[in-house]
PDB file of N, CA and C in Angstrom:
ATOM      1  N   MET A   1       0.968  -1.178  -0.254  1.00  0.00           N
ATOM      2  CA  MET A   1      -0.037   0.053   0.056  1.00  0.00           C
ATOM      3  C   MET A   1       0.435   1.091   0.076  1.00  0.00           C
ATOM      4  N   ARG A   2       1.857   0.693   0.435  1.00  0.00           N
ATOM      5  CA  ARG A   2       2.851   2.036   0.627  1.00  0.00           C
ATOM      6  C   ARG A   2       3.652   2.801  -1.012  1.00  0.00           C
ATOM      7  N   ASP A   3       4.039   1.603  -1.199  1.00  0.00           N
ATOM      8  CA  ASP A   3       4.019   2.135  -2.859  1.00  0.00           C
ATOM      9  C   ASP A   3       3.696   2.388  -3.892  1.00  0.00           C
ATOM     10  N   ARG A   4       1.858   2.126  -3.856  1.00  0.00           N
ATOM     11  CA  ARG A   4       0.884   2.870  -4.096  1.00  0.00           C
ATOM     12  C   ARG A   4       0.359   4.594  -3.663  1.00  0.00           C
ATOM     13  N   GLN A   5       1.598   4.144  -2.980  1.00  0.00           N
ATOM     14  CA  GLN A   5       1.257   6.327  -1.570  1.00  0.00           C
ATOM     15  C   GLN A   5       2.391   7.084  -2.094  1.00  0.00           C
ATOM     16  N   ARG A   6       3.604   6.232  -2.837  1.00  0.00           N
ATOM     17  CA  ARG A   6       4.420   6.571  -3.533  1.00  0.00           C
ATOM     18  C   ARG A   6       4.982   6.682  -5.343  1.00  0.00           C
ATOM     19  N   ARG A   7       3.802   6.740  -5.428  1.00  0.00           N
ATOM     20  CA  ARG A   7       4.750   7.025  -6.435  1.00  0.00           C
ATOM     21  C   ARG A   7       4.294   8.311  -7.455  1.00  0.00           C
ATOM     22  N   GLU A   8       4.872   8.471  -8.488  1.00  0.00           N
ATOM     23  CA  GLU A   8       4.729  10.212  -9.550  1.00  0.00           C
ATOM     24  C   GLU A   8       2.522  10.680  -9.290  1.00  0.00           C
ATOM     25  N   PRO A   9       2.972  11.601  -9.210  1.00  0.00           N
ATOM     26  CA  PRO A   9       1.240  12.181  -9.350  1.00  0.00           C
ATOM     27  C   PRO A   9       0.590  11.202 -11.256  1.00  0.00           C
ATOM     28  N   ARG A  10       2.193  11.783 -11.759  1.00  0.00           N
ATOM     29  CA  ARG A  10       1.526  11.187 -12.802  1.00  0.00           C
ATOM     30  C   ARG A  10       1.017   9.907 -13.799  1.00  0.00           C
ATOM     31  N   GLU A  11       2.266   9.085 -12.238  1.00  0.00           N
ATOM     32  CA  GLU A  11       1.431   7.276 -12.647  1.00  0.00           C
ATOM     33  C   GLU A  11       0.674   7.015 -11.285  1.00  0.00           C
ATOM     34  N   ARG A  12      -0.152   7.820 -10.672  1.00  0.00           N
ATOM     35  CA  ARG A  12      -1.813   7.546 -10.160  1.00  0.00           C
ATOM     36  C   ARG A  12      -2.482   7.664 -11.050  1.00  0.00           C
ATOM     37  N   GLY A  13      -2.433   8.272 -12.024  1.00  0.00           N
ATOM     38  CA  GLY A  13      -3.453   8.862 -12.428  1.00  0.00           C
ATOM     39  C   GLY A  13      -3.873  10.201 -12.822  1.00  0.00           C
ATOM     40  N   GLY A  14      -3.211  11.636 -13.077  1.00  0.00           N
ATOM     41  CA  GLY A  14      -2.817  12.885 -11.631  1.00  0.00           C
ATOM     42  C   GLY A  14      -2.122  13.186 -13.021  1.00  0.00           C
ATOM     43  N   GLY A  15      -1.302  14.592 -13.367  1.00  0.00           N
ATOM     44  CA  GLY A  15      -0.421  15.227 -13.858  1.00  0.00           C
ATOM     45  C   GLY A  15      -1.435  15.298 -15.606  1.00  0.00           C
ATOM     46  N   ASP A  16      -0.905  14.892 -16.228  1.00  0.00           N
ATOM     47  CA  ASP A  16      -0.723  15.207 -18.420  1.00  0.00           C
ATOM     48  C   ASP A  16      -1.874  14.117 -18.544  1.00  0.00           C
ATOM     49  N   GLY A  17      -2.748  14.041 -18.184  1.00  0.00           N
ATOM     50  CA  GLY A  17      -3.729  12.375 -18.188  1.00  0.00           C
ATOM     51  C   GLY A  17      -3.195  11.414 -19.224  1.00  0.00           C
ATOM     52  N   ALA A  18      -1.693  10.775 -19.027  1.00  0.00           N
ATOM     53  CA  ALA A  18      -1.724   9.461 -19.383  1.00  0.00           C
ATOM     54  C   ALA A  18      -2.158   9.125 -17.863  1.00  0.00           C
ATOM     55  N   VAL A  19      -2.991   8.128 -18.256  1.00  0.00           N
ATOM     56  CA  VAL A  19      -3.874   6.918 -17.315  1.00  0.00           C
ATOM     57  C   VAL A  19      -3.870   5.603 -18.064  1.00  0.00           C
ATOM     58  N   ASP A  20      -3.759   5.009 -17.605  1.00  0.00           N
ATOM     59  CA  ASP A  20      -4.070   3.583 -18.058  1.00  0.00           C
ATOM     60  C   ASP A  20      -5.196   2.873 -18.111  1.00  0.00           C
ATOM     61  N   ALA A  21      -4.859   2.278 -18.988  1.00  0.00           N
ATOM     62  CA  ALA A  21      -6.494   1.910 -20.099  1.00  0.00           C
ATOM     63  C   ALA A  21      -7.319   0.725 -18.646  1.00  0.00           C
ATOM     64  N   GLY A  22      -8.345   0.383 -18.452  1.00  0.00           N
ATOM     65  CA  GLY A  22      -8.979  -0.943 -17.042  1.00  0.00           C
ATOM     66  C   GLY A  22      -9.097  -2.251 -17.545  1.00  0.00           C
ATOM     67  N   PRO A  23      -9.723  -2.715 -17.339  1.00  0.00           N
ATOM     68  CA  PRO A  23      -9.385  -4.013 -17.611  1.00  0.00           C
ATOM     69  C   PRO A  23     -10.229  -4.416 -18.542  1.00  0.00           C
ATOM     70  N   ASP A  24     -10.998  -3.671 -18.960  1.00  0.00           N
ATOM     71  CA  ASP A  24     -12.453  -4.239 -20.147  1.00  0.00           C
ATOM     72  C   ASP A  24     -11.407  -2.821 -21.780  1.00  0.00           C
ATOM     73  N   GLY A  25     -10.465  -2.508 -21.365  1.00  0.00           N
ATOM     74  CA  GLY A  25     -10.035  -1.503 -22.782  1.00  0.00           C
ATOM     75  C   GLY A  25     -10.330   0.144 -22.008  1.00  0.00           C
ATOM     76  N   SER A  26     -11.049   0.151 -21.591  1.00  0.00           N
ATOM     77  CA  SER A  26     -11.829   1.884 -21.327  1.00  0.00           C
ATOM     78  C   SER A  26     -11.002   2.701 -20.593  1.00  0.00           C
ATOM     79  N   ARG A  27     -10.427   3.137 -20.851  1.00  0.00           N
ATOM     80  CA  ARG A  27      -9.829   4.810 -20.385  1.00  0.00           C
ATOM     81  C   ARG A  27     -10.807   5.088 -18.860  1.00  0.00           C
ATOM     82  N   PRO A  28     -10.759   5.515 -18.037  1.00  0.00           N
ATOM     83  CA  PRO A  28     -11.916   6.478 -16.823  1.00  0.00           C
ATOM     84  C   PRO A  28     -11.646   7.319 -16.898  1.00  0.00           C
ATOM     85  N   ARG A  29     -13.084   8.435 -17.112  1.00  0.00           N
ATOM     86  CA  ARG A  29     -13.473   9.155 -17.419  1.00  0.00           C
ATOM     87  C   ARG A  29     -13.088  10.534 -16.563  1.00  0.00           C
ATOM     88  N   PRO A  30     -12.513  11.823 -16.952  1.00  0.00           N
ATOM     89  CA  PRO A  30     -12.387  12.646 -15.837  1.00  0.00           C
ATOM     90  C   PRO A  30     -13.069  12.976 -14.681  1.00  0.00           C
ATOM     91  N   TYR A  31     -14.223  13.651 -15.491  1.00  0.00           N
ATOM     92  CA  TYR A  31     -15.336  13.782 -14.814  1.00  0.00           C
ATOM     93  C   TYR A  31     -16.544  13.222 -14.537  1.00  0.00           C
ATOM     94  N   ALA A  32     -16.517  13.122 -13.804  1.00  0.00           N
ATOM     95  CA  ALA A  32     -18.657  12.788 -13.176  1.00  0.00           C
ATOM     96  C   ALA A  32     -19.607  12.952 -13.909  1.00  0.00           C
ATOM     97  N   ASP A  33     -19.194  14.658 -14.669  1.00  0.00           N
ATOM     98  CA  ASP A  33     -20.364  14.760 -15.954  1.00  0.00           C
ATOM     99  C   ASP A  33     -20.253  14.658 -17.627  1.00  0.00           C
ATOM    100  N   ALA A  34     -19.347  13.811 -17.163  1.00  0.00           N
ATOM    101  CA  ALA A  34     -18.347  13.999 -18.664  1.00  0.00           C
ATOM    102  C   ALA A  34     -19.279  13.250 -19.678  1.00  0.00           C
ATOM    103  N   ALA A  35     -19.032  13.619 -20.884  1.00  0.00           N
ATOM    104  CA  ALA A  35     -20.374  12.112 -21.905  1.00  0.00           C
ATOM    105  C   ALA A  35     -19.648  11.000 -21.649  1.00  0.00           C
ATOM    106  N   PRO A  36     -21.109   9.973 -22.001  1.00  0.00           N
ATOM    107  CA  PRO A  36     -20.105   8.779 -21.180  1.00  0.00           C
ATOM    108  C   PRO A  36     -19.271   8.548 -22.928  1.00  0.00           C
ATOM    109  N   ALA A  37     -18.585   7.094 -22.721  1.00  0.00           N
ATOM    110  CA  ALA A  37     -17.109   6.867 -23.535  1.00  0.00           C
ATOM    111  C   ALA A  37     -17.764   6.130 -25.283  1.00  0.00           C
ATOM    112  N   PRO A  38     -17.625   6.726 -26.460  1.00  0.00           N
ATOM    113  CA  PRO A  38     -17.723   5.950 -27.007  1.00  0.00           C
ATOM    114  C   PRO A  38     -18.092   4.239 -27.466  1.00  0.00           C
ATOM    115  N   GLY A  39     -19.627   3.911 -27.916  1.00  0.00           N
ATOM    116  CA  GLY A  39     -19.446   2.002 -26.928  1.00  0.00           C
ATOM    117  C   GLY A  39     -19.381   2.093 -26.171  1.00  0.00           C
ATOM    118  N   SER A  40     -19.805   2.582 -25.162  1.00  0.00           N
ATOM    119  CA  SER A  40     -20.607   2.139 -23.284  1.00  0.00           C
ATOM    120  C   SER A  40     -22.250   2.840 -23.165  1.00  0.00           C
ATOM    121  N   HIS A  41     -22.273   1.504 -22.333  1.00  0.00           N
ATOM    122  CA  HIS A  41     -23.940   1.040 -22.762  1.00  0.00           C
ATOM    123  C   HIS A  41     -24.207   2.532 -20.694  1.00  0.00           C
ATOM    124  N   SER A  42     -25.018   3.318 -21.833  1.00  0.00           N
ATOM    125  CA  SER A  42     -26.104   3.275 -20.465  1.00  0.00           C
ATOM    126  C   SER A  42     -27.492   3.063 -20.002  1.00  0.00           C
ATOM    127  N   THR A  43     -28.436   3.466 -19.013  1.00  0.00           N
ATOM    128  CA  THR A  43     -29.414   2.930 -18.980  1.00  0.00           C
ATOM    129  C   THR A  43     -30.375   3.819 -19.839  1.00  0.00           C
ATOM    130  N   ALA A  44     -29.937   5.232 -20.153  1.00  0.00           N
ATOM    131  CA  ALA A  44     -30.845   6.080 -20.623  1.00  0.00           C
ATOM    132  C   ALA A  44     -30.470   6.094 -21.833  1.00  0.00           C
ATOM    133  N   ASP A  45     -29.592   4.758 -22.745  1.00  0.00           N
ATOM    134  CA  ASP A  45     -29.141   5.305 -24.303  1.00  0.00           C
ATOM    135  C   ASP A  45     -30.203   3.538 -24.571  1.00  0.00           C
ATOM    136  N   ALA A  46     -30.202   2.698 -23.151  1.00  0.00           N
ATOM    137  CA  ALA A  46     -30.286   1.417 -23.922  1.00  0.00           C
ATOM    138  C   ALA A  46     -32.227   1.750 -23.828  1.00  0.00           C
ATOM    139  N   THR A  47     -33.021   2.857 -23.994  1.00  0.00           N
ATOM    140  CA  THR A  47     -34.530   3.246 -23.439  1.00  0.00           C
ATOM    141  C   THR A  47     -34.976   3.129 -25.034  1.00  0.00           C
ATOM    142  N   PRO A  48     -35.918   2.313 -25.899  1.00  0.00           N
ATOM    143  CA  PRO A  48     -36.372   3.067 -27.375  1.00  0.00           C
ATOM    144  C   PRO A  48     -36.359   3.768 -27.470  1.00  0.00           C
ATOM    145  N   GLY A  49     -37.059   5.391 -28.712  1.00  0.00           N
ATOM    146  CA  GLY A  49     -37.458   5.643 -28.980  1.00  0.00           C
ATOM    147  C   GLY A  49     -38.968   5.796 -29.352  1.00  0.00           C
ATOM    148  N   PRO A  50     -39.857   6.887 -29.739  1.00  0.00           N
ATOM    149  CA  PRO A  50     -41.149   6.134 -30.342  1.00  0.00           C
ATOM    150  C   PRO A  50     -40.497   5.525 -32.292  1.00  0.00           C
ATOM    151  N   ALA A  51     -41.217   4.748 -32.366  1.00  0.00           N
ATOM    152  CA  ALA A  51     -41.721   3.831 -33.680  1.00  0.00           C
ATOM    153  C   ALA A  51     -40.954   5.928 -34.600  1.00  0.00           C
ATOM    154  N   PRO A  52     -40.969   5.208 -36.032  1.00  0.00           N
ATOM    155  CA  PRO A  52     -40.539   6.479 -36.669  1.00  0.00           C
ATOM    156  C   PRO A  52     -42.400   7.114 -37.662  1.00  0.00           C
ATOM    157  N   ASP A  53     -43.060   5.566 -37.219  1.00  0.00           N
ATOM    158  CA  ASP A  53     -44.174   5.756 -38.018  1.00  0.00           C
ATOM    159  C   ASP A  53     -44.975   5.242 -37.198  1.00  0.00           C
ATOM    160  N   SER A  54     -44.990   5.713 -36.197  1.00  0.00           N
ATOM    161  CA  SER A  54     -46.435   5.808 -34.843  1.00  0.00           C
ATOM    162  C   SER A  54     -47.083   7.111 -34.867  1.00  0.00           C
ATOM    163  N   VAL A  55     -47.567   7.319 -33.901  1.00  0.00           N
ATOM    164  CA  VAL A  55     -48.396   7.909 -34.330  1.00  0.00           C
ATOM    165  C   VAL A  55     -48.437   9.269 -32.414  1.00  0.00           C
ATOM    166  N   PRO A  56     -48.156  10.292 -32.852  1.00  0.00           N
ATOM    167  CA  PRO A  56     -47.663  10.695 -32.254  1.00  0.00           C
ATOM    168  C   PRO A  56     -49.323  10.682 -30.276  1.00  0.00           C
ATOM    169  N   ASP A  57     -49.048  10.882 -29.321  1.00  0.00           N
ATOM    170  CA  ASP A  57     -49.299  10.623 -27.739  1.00  0.00           C
ATOM    171  C   ASP A  57     -50.745  12.583 -28.074  1.00  0.00           C
ATOM    172  N   PRO A  58     -52.240  11.535 -28.022  1.00  0.00           N
ATOM    173  CA  PRO A  58     -53.035  13.720 -27.910  1.00  0.00           C
ATOM    174  C   PRO A  58     -52.331  14.285 -26.691  1.00  0.00           C
ATOM    175  N   PRO A  59     -52.620  15.688 -26.974  1.00  0.00           N
ATOM    176  CA  PRO A  59     -52.056  16.368 -25.969  1.00  0.00           C
ATOM    177  C   PRO A  59     -52.981  15.636 -24.365  1.00  0.00           C
ATOM    178  N   PRO A  60     -51.813  16.197 -24.034  1.00  0.00           N
ATOM    179  CA  PRO A  60     -52.381  15.027 -21.925  1.00  0.00           C
ATOM    180  C   PRO A  60     -54.209  16.258 -21.575  1.00  0.00           C
ATOM    181  N   VAL A  61     -54.174  15.427 -21.065  1.00  0.00           N
ATOM    182  CA  VAL A  61     -56.203  15.902 -21.188  1.00  0.00           C
ATOM    183  C   VAL A  61     -56.119  17.257 -19.769  1.00  0.00           C
ATOM    184  N   PRO A  62     -56.251  18.257 -19.526  1.00  0.00           N
ATOM    185  CA  PRO A  62     -56.081  18.658 -17.292  1.00  0.00           C
ATOM    186  C   PRO A  62     -57.370  17.405 -16.188  1.00  0.00           C
ATOM    187  N   THR A  63     -56.419  17.138 -15.508  1.00  0.00           N
ATOM    188  CA  THR A  63     -56.872  15.983 -14.597  1.00  0.00           C
ATOM    189  C   THR A  63     -57.683  17.702 -13.636  1.00  0.00           C
ATOM    190  N   ALA A  64     -57.284  18.620 -13.359  1.00  0.00           N
ATOM    191  CA  ALA A  64     -57.926  19.866 -12.024  1.00  0.00           C
ATOM    192  C   ALA A  64     -59.082  19.756 -12.676  1.00  0.00           C
ATOM    193  N   GLU A  65     -59.948  19.905 -14.183  1.00  0.00           N
ATOM    194  CA  GLU A  65     -61.517  20.023 -14.740  1.00  0.00           C
ATOM    195  C   GLU A  65     -61.879  18.678 -14.397  1.00  0.00           C
ATOM    196  N   LEU A  66     -61.195  17.515 -14.801  1.00  0.00           N
ATOM    197  CA  LEU A  66     -62.208  16.048 -14.879  1.00  0.00           C
ATOM    198  C   LEU A  66     -62.722  15.213 -13.565  1.00  0.00           C
ATOM    199  N   ASP A  67     -61.546  15.275 -12.754  1.00  0.00           N
ATOM    200  CA  ASP A  67     -61.981  14.404 -12.021  1.00  0.00           C
ATOM    201  C   ASP A  67     -60.887  15.423 -10.903  1.00  0.00           C
ATOM    202  N   SER A  68     -61.262  16.715  -9.568  1.00  0.00           N
ATOM    203  CA  SER A  68     -60.539  17.497  -8.903  1.00  0.00           C
ATOM    204  C   SER A  68     -61.525  16.376  -7.383  1.00  0.00           C
ATOM    205  N   ASP A  69     -62.350  15.876  -7.884  1.00  0.00           N
ATOM    206  CA  ASP A  69     -63.994  15.455  -6.394  1.00  0.00           C
ATOM    207  C   ASP A  69     -62.857  14.118  -6.303  1.00  0.00           C
ATOM    208  N   GLU A  70     -62.526  13.412  -7.285  1.00  0.00           N
ATOM    209  CA  GLU A  70     -62.324  11.921  -7.376  1.00  0.00           C
ATOM    210  C   GLU A  70     -60.107  11.914  -7.024  1.00  0.00           C
ATOM    211  N   SER A  71     -59.309  12.809  -7.049  1.00  0.00           N
ATOM    212  CA  SER A  71     -58.757  13.021  -6.490  1.00  0.00           C
ATOM    213  C   SER A  71     -57.887  13.450  -5.440  1.00  0.00           C
ATOM    214  N   ALA A  72     -59.409  13.931  -4.898  1.00  0.00           N
ATOM    215  CA  ALA A  72     -59.643  15.153  -3.075  1.00  0.00           C
ATOM    216  C   ALA A  72     -59.422  13.788  -2.438  1.00  0.00           C
ATOM    217  N   ALA A  73     -60.140  13.337  -3.221  1.00  0.00           N
ATOM    218  CA  ALA A  73     -60.582  11.658  -2.028  1.00  0.00           C
ATOM    219  C   ALA A  73     -59.267  10.477  -2.771  1.00  0.00           C
ATOM    220  N   ALA A  74     -59.118  10.166  -3.603  1.00  0.00           N
ATOM    221  CA  ALA A  74     -58.141   9.939  -3.218  1.00  0.00           C
ATOM    222  C   ALA A  74     -56.881  10.045  -3.033  1.00  0.00           C
ATOM    223  N   ARG A  75     -56.726  11.788  -2.385  1.00  0.00           N
ATOM    224  CA  ARG A  75     -55.585  12.017  -1.642  1.00  0.00           C
ATOM    225  C   ARG A  75     -55.943  12.002  -0.336  1.00  0.00           C
ATOM    226  N   ARG A  76     -57.129  12.257  -0.363  1.00  0.00           N
ATOM    227  CA  ARG A  76     -57.632  11.580   1.938  1.00  0.00           C
ATOM    228  C   ARG A  76     -57.110   9.880   1.782  1.00  0.00           C
ATOM    229  N   ARG A  77     -58.692   9.254   0.675  1.00  0.00           N
ATOM    230  CA  ARG A  77     -57.531   7.412   0.353  1.00  0.00           C
ATOM    231  C   ARG A  77     -55.806   6.974   1.889  1.00  0.00           C
ATOM    232  N   ARG A  78     -55.109   7.702   0.661  1.00  0.00           N
ATOM    233  CA  ARG A  78     -54.360   7.506   0.498  1.00  0.00           C
ATOM    234  C   ARG A  78     -53.395   8.125   1.900  1.00  0.00           C
ATOM    235  N   ARG A  79     -54.339   9.153   2.337  1.00  0.00           N
ATOM    236  CA  ARG A  79     -53.139  10.218   4.035  1.00  0.00           C
ATOM    237  C   ARG A  79     -53.840   8.513   4.931  1.00  0.00           C
ATOM    238  N   ALA A  80     -55.019   8.092   5.046  1.00  0.00           N
ATOM    239  CA  ALA A  80     -55.983   8.318   6.612  1.00  0.00           C
ATOM    240  C   ALA A  80     -54.678   6.492   6.371  1.00  0.00           C
ATOM    241  N   GLN A  81     -54.333   6.447   5.655  1.00  0.00           N
ATOM    242  CA  GLN A  81     -53.903   4.614   4.476  1.00  0.00           C
ATOM    243  C   GLN A  81     -52.725   4.673   5.507  1.00  0.00           C
ATOM    244  N   PHE A  82     -51.777   5.887   4.980  1.00  0.00           N
ATOM    245  CA  PHE A  82     -51.027   6.379   5.913  1.00  0.00           C
ATOM    246  C   PHE A  82     -50.341   6.868   7.570  1.00  0.00           C
ATOM    247  N   LEU A  83     -51.562   7.154   7.681  1.00  0.00           N
ATOM    248  CA  LEU A  83     -52.044   7.129   9.242  1.00  0.00           C
ATOM    249  C   LEU A  83     -51.899   6.549   9.515  1.00  0.00           C
ATOM    250  N   ARG A  84     -52.876   5.842   9.406  1.00  0.00           N
ATOM    251  CA  ARG A  84     -53.183   3.913   9.761  1.00  0.00           C
ATOM    252  C   ARG A  84     -52.020   3.908  10.026  1.00  0.00           C
ATOM    253  N   GLU A  85     -51.374   3.006   8.877  1.00  0.00           N
ATOM    254  CA  GLU A  85     -49.463   2.659   9.248  1.00  0.00           C
ATOM    255  C   GLU A  85     -48.979   3.563  10.214  1.00  0.00           C
ATOM    256  N   LEU A  86     -48.875   4.708   9.776  1.00  0.00           N
ATOM    257  CA  LEU A  86     -48.120   5.549  11.260  1.00  0.00           C
ATOM    258  C   LEU A  86     -48.468   4.963  12.614  1.00  0.00           C
ATOM    259  N   ASN A  87     -48.988   5.011  12.950  1.00  0.00           N
ATOM    260  CA  ASN A  87     -49.982   5.131  13.773  1.00  0.00           C
ATOM    261  C   ASN A  87     -49.526   2.917  14.199  1.00  0.00           C
ATOM    262  N   GLU A  88     -49.392   2.688  13.233  1.00  0.00           N
ATOM    263  CA  GLU A  88     -49.001   1.504  13.749  1.00  0.00           C
ATOM    264  C   GLU A  88     -47.655   0.844  14.280  1.00  0.00           C
ATOM    265  N   ALA A  89     -47.336   1.883  13.159  1.00  0.00           N
ATOM    266  CA  ALA A  89     -45.685   1.813  13.451  1.00  0.00           C
ATOM    267  C   ALA A  89     -45.414   2.018  15.150  1.00  0.00           C
ATOM    268  N   LYS A  90     -46.159   2.957  15.253  1.00  0.00           N
ATOM    269  CA  LYS A  90     -45.351   4.093  16.494  1.00  0.00           C
ATOM    270  C   LYS A  90     -45.630   2.614  17.373  1.00  0.00           C
ATOM    271  N   ALA A  91     -46.980   1.738  17.916  1.00  0.00           N
ATOM    272  CA  ALA A  91     -47.705   0.817  18.685  1.00  0.00           C
ATOM    273  C   ALA A  91     -46.544   0.031  18.353  1.00  0.00           C
ATOM    274  N   LEU A  92     -45.829  -0.585  17.489  1.00  0.00           N
ATOM    275  CA  LEU A  92     -45.211  -1.167  17.666  1.00  0.00           C
ATOM    276  C   LEU A  92     -43.554  -1.358  18.297  1.00  0.00           C
ATOM    277  N   ARG A  93     -43.241   0.240  18.013  1.00  0.00           N
ATOM    278  CA  ARG A  93     -41.980   0.705  18.506  1.00  0.00           C
ATOM    279  C   ARG A  93     -42.541   1.433  19.409  1.00  0.00           C
ATOM    280  N   GLU A  94     -43.803   0.842  20.640  1.00  0.00           N
ATOM    281  CA  GLU A  94     -43.471   1.016  21.698  1.00  0.00           C
ATOM    282  C   GLU A  94     -43.537  -0.096  22.394  1.00  0.00           C
ATOM    283  N   ARG A  95     -43.857  -1.400  21.793  1.00  0.00           N
ATOM    284  CA  ARG A  95     -44.288  -2.776  22.591  1.00  0.00           C
ATOM    285  C   ARG A  95     -42.538  -3.063  22.321  1.00  0.00           C
ATOM    286  N   VAL A  96     -41.363  -3.112  20.730  1.00  0.00           N
ATOM    287  CA  VAL A  96     -40.360  -3.762  20.709  1.00  0.00           C
ATOM    288  C   VAL A  96     -39.100  -2.607  21.904  1.00  0.00           C
ATOM    289  N   LYS A  97     -39.175  -0.965  21.633  1.00  0.00           N
ATOM    290  CA  LYS A  97     -38.581  -0.217  22.302  1.00  0.00           C
ATOM    291  C   LYS A  97     -39.122   0.597  23.221  1.00  0.00           C
ATOM    292  N   PRO A  98     -39.618  -0.506  23.968  1.00  0.00           N
ATOM    293  CA  PRO A  98     -40.694   0.767  25.612  1.00  0.00           C
ATOM    294  C   PRO A  98     -39.805   1.953  25.933  1.00  0.00           C
ATOM    295  N   ARG A  99     -38.706   1.904  26.431  1.00  0.00           N
ATOM    296  CA  ARG A  99     -38.044   2.093  26.809  1.00  0.00           C
ATOM    297  C   ARG A  99     -37.416   3.953  25.751  1.00  0.00           C
ATOM    298  N   GLN A 100     -37.330   3.397  24.663  1.00  0.00           N
ATOM    299  CA  GLN A 100     -36.584   4.876  23.688  1.00  0.00           C
ATOM    300  C   GLN A 100     -37.950   4.701  22.681  1.00  0.00           C
ATOM    301  N   ALA A 101     -39.270   4.098  23.114  1.00  0.00           N
ATOM    302  CA  ALA A 101     -40.085   5.195  22.625  1.00  0.00           C
ATOM    303  C   ALA A 101     -40.208   6.312  23.932  1.00  0.00           C
ATOM    304  N   ARG A 102     -40.353   6.117  25.844  1.00  0.00           N
ATOM    305  CA  ARG A 102     -41.519   7.344  26.778  1.00  0.00           C
ATOM    306  C   ARG A 102     -39.504   7.808  26.328  1.00  0.00           C
ATOM    307  N   ALA A 103     -38.496   8.305  26.268  1.00  0.00           N
ATOM    308  CA  ALA A 103     -37.517   9.014  26.052  1.00  0.00           C
ATOM    309  C   ALA A 103     -37.915   9.755  24.833  1.00  0.00           C
ATOM    310  N   ALA A 104     -38.541   9.566  23.837  1.00  0.00           N
ATOM    311  CA  ALA A 104     -38.991   9.846  22.318  1.00  0.00           C
ATOM    312  C   ALA A 104     -39.821  11.274  22.693  1.00  0.00           C
ATOM    313  N   ARG A 105     -41.117  10.510  23.151  1.00  0.00           N
ATOM    314  CA  ARG A 105     -42.381  11.187  24.175  1.00  0.00           C
ATOM    315  C   ARG A 105     -42.148  12.520  24.264  1.00  0.00           C
ATOM    316  N   MET A 106     -40.935  11.963  25.236  1.00  0.00           N
ATOM    317  CA  MET A 106     -40.684  12.591  26.455  1.00  0.00           C
ATOM    318  C   MET A 106     -39.843  14.283  25.947  1.00  0.00           C
ATOM    319  N   ARG A 107     -38.484  14.224  24.823  1.00  0.00           N
ATOM    320  CA  ARG A 107     -38.330  15.331  23.764  1.00  0.00           C
ATOM    321  C   ARG A 107     -39.430  15.194  23.509  1.00  0.00           C
ATOM    322  N   GLN A 108     -40.213  15.421  22.943  1.00  0.00           N
ATOM    323  CA  GLN A 108     -42.088  15.789  21.573  1.00  0.00           C
ATOM    324  C   GLN A 108     -42.425  16.813  22.841  1.00  0.00           C
ATOM    325  N   GLN A 109     -42.552  16.441  23.786  1.00  0.00           N
ATOM    326  CA  GLN A 109     -43.661  17.464  24.419  1.00  0.00           C
ATOM    327  C   GLN A 109     -42.786  19.104  24.465  1.00  0.00           C
ATOM    328  N   MET A 110     -41.545  17.672  25.496  1.00  0.00           N
ATOM    329  CA  MET A 110     -40.183  19.272  25.918  1.00  0.00           C
ATOM    330  C   MET A 110     -40.294  20.287  24.466  1.00  0.00           C
ATOM    331  N   ARG A 111     -40.098  19.553  23.531  1.00  0.00           N
ATOM    332  CA  ARG A 111     -39.484  20.357  21.972  1.00  0.00           C
ATOM    333  C   ARG A 111     -41.839  21.644  21.764  1.00  0.00           C
ATOM    334  N   MET A 112     -42.247  20.694  21.685  1.00  0.00           N
ATOM    335  CA  MET A 112     -43.867  21.366  21.857  1.00  0.00           C
ATOM    336  C   MET A 112     -44.448  22.874  23.092  1.00  0.00           C
ATOM    337  N   ARG A 113     -43.692  22.423  24.101  1.00  0.00           N
ATOM    338  CA  ARG A 113     -43.589  23.436  25.745  1.00  0.00           C
ATOM    339  C   ARG A 113     -42.999  24.310  25.009  1.00  0.00           C
ATOM    340  N   THR A 114     -41.138  24.058  24.359  1.00  0.00           N
ATOM    341  CA  THR A 114     -41.261  25.188  24.025  1.00  0.00           C
ATOM    342  C   THR A 114     -40.389  26.256  22.798  1.00  0.00           C
ATOM    343  N   PHE A 115     -42.068  25.922  22.185  1.00  0.00           N
ATOM    344  CA  PHE A 115     -41.992  25.376  21.514  1.00  0.00           C
ATOM    345  C   PHE A 115     -42.653  27.608  20.922  1.00  0.00           C
ATOM    346  N   ARG A 116     -42.427  28.642  19.945  1.00  0.00           N
ATOM    347  CA  ARG A 116     -42.647  29.554  19.889  1.00  0.00           C
ATOM    348  C   ARG A 116     -44.149  30.370  18.968  1.00  0.00           C
ATOM    349  N   TRP A 117     -45.120  29.892  19.644  1.00  0.00           N
ATOM    350  CA  TRP A 117     -45.884  30.280  18.090  1.00  0.00           C
ATOM    351  C   TRP A 117     -46.199  32.049  17.797  1.00  0.00           C
TER     352      TRP A 117
END
């Protein structure tokens, strides 16, 4: 390990840009936001675009006008489900770690007492 630390900066990959090739023959990119090396595969390149002869999708219809009541009801259902699961998790924590749960409850009470409205 000390051998690696004593090498010259150029040998470690810094300096004039002389960098050894990796095991697959590719060279490391100098910056994280640089363009990928040619021939490399990324997830963005793997997704095919729309077929040239396909019909484009119609413009999206404003959802706020169509189902505002339905979306509000769905949001309330999701919120109620979340709150049920949260209370269930708190009860489980209370049973599993009663001492830590009590300390957390006391800290929360102190926070609420010292908060200025």
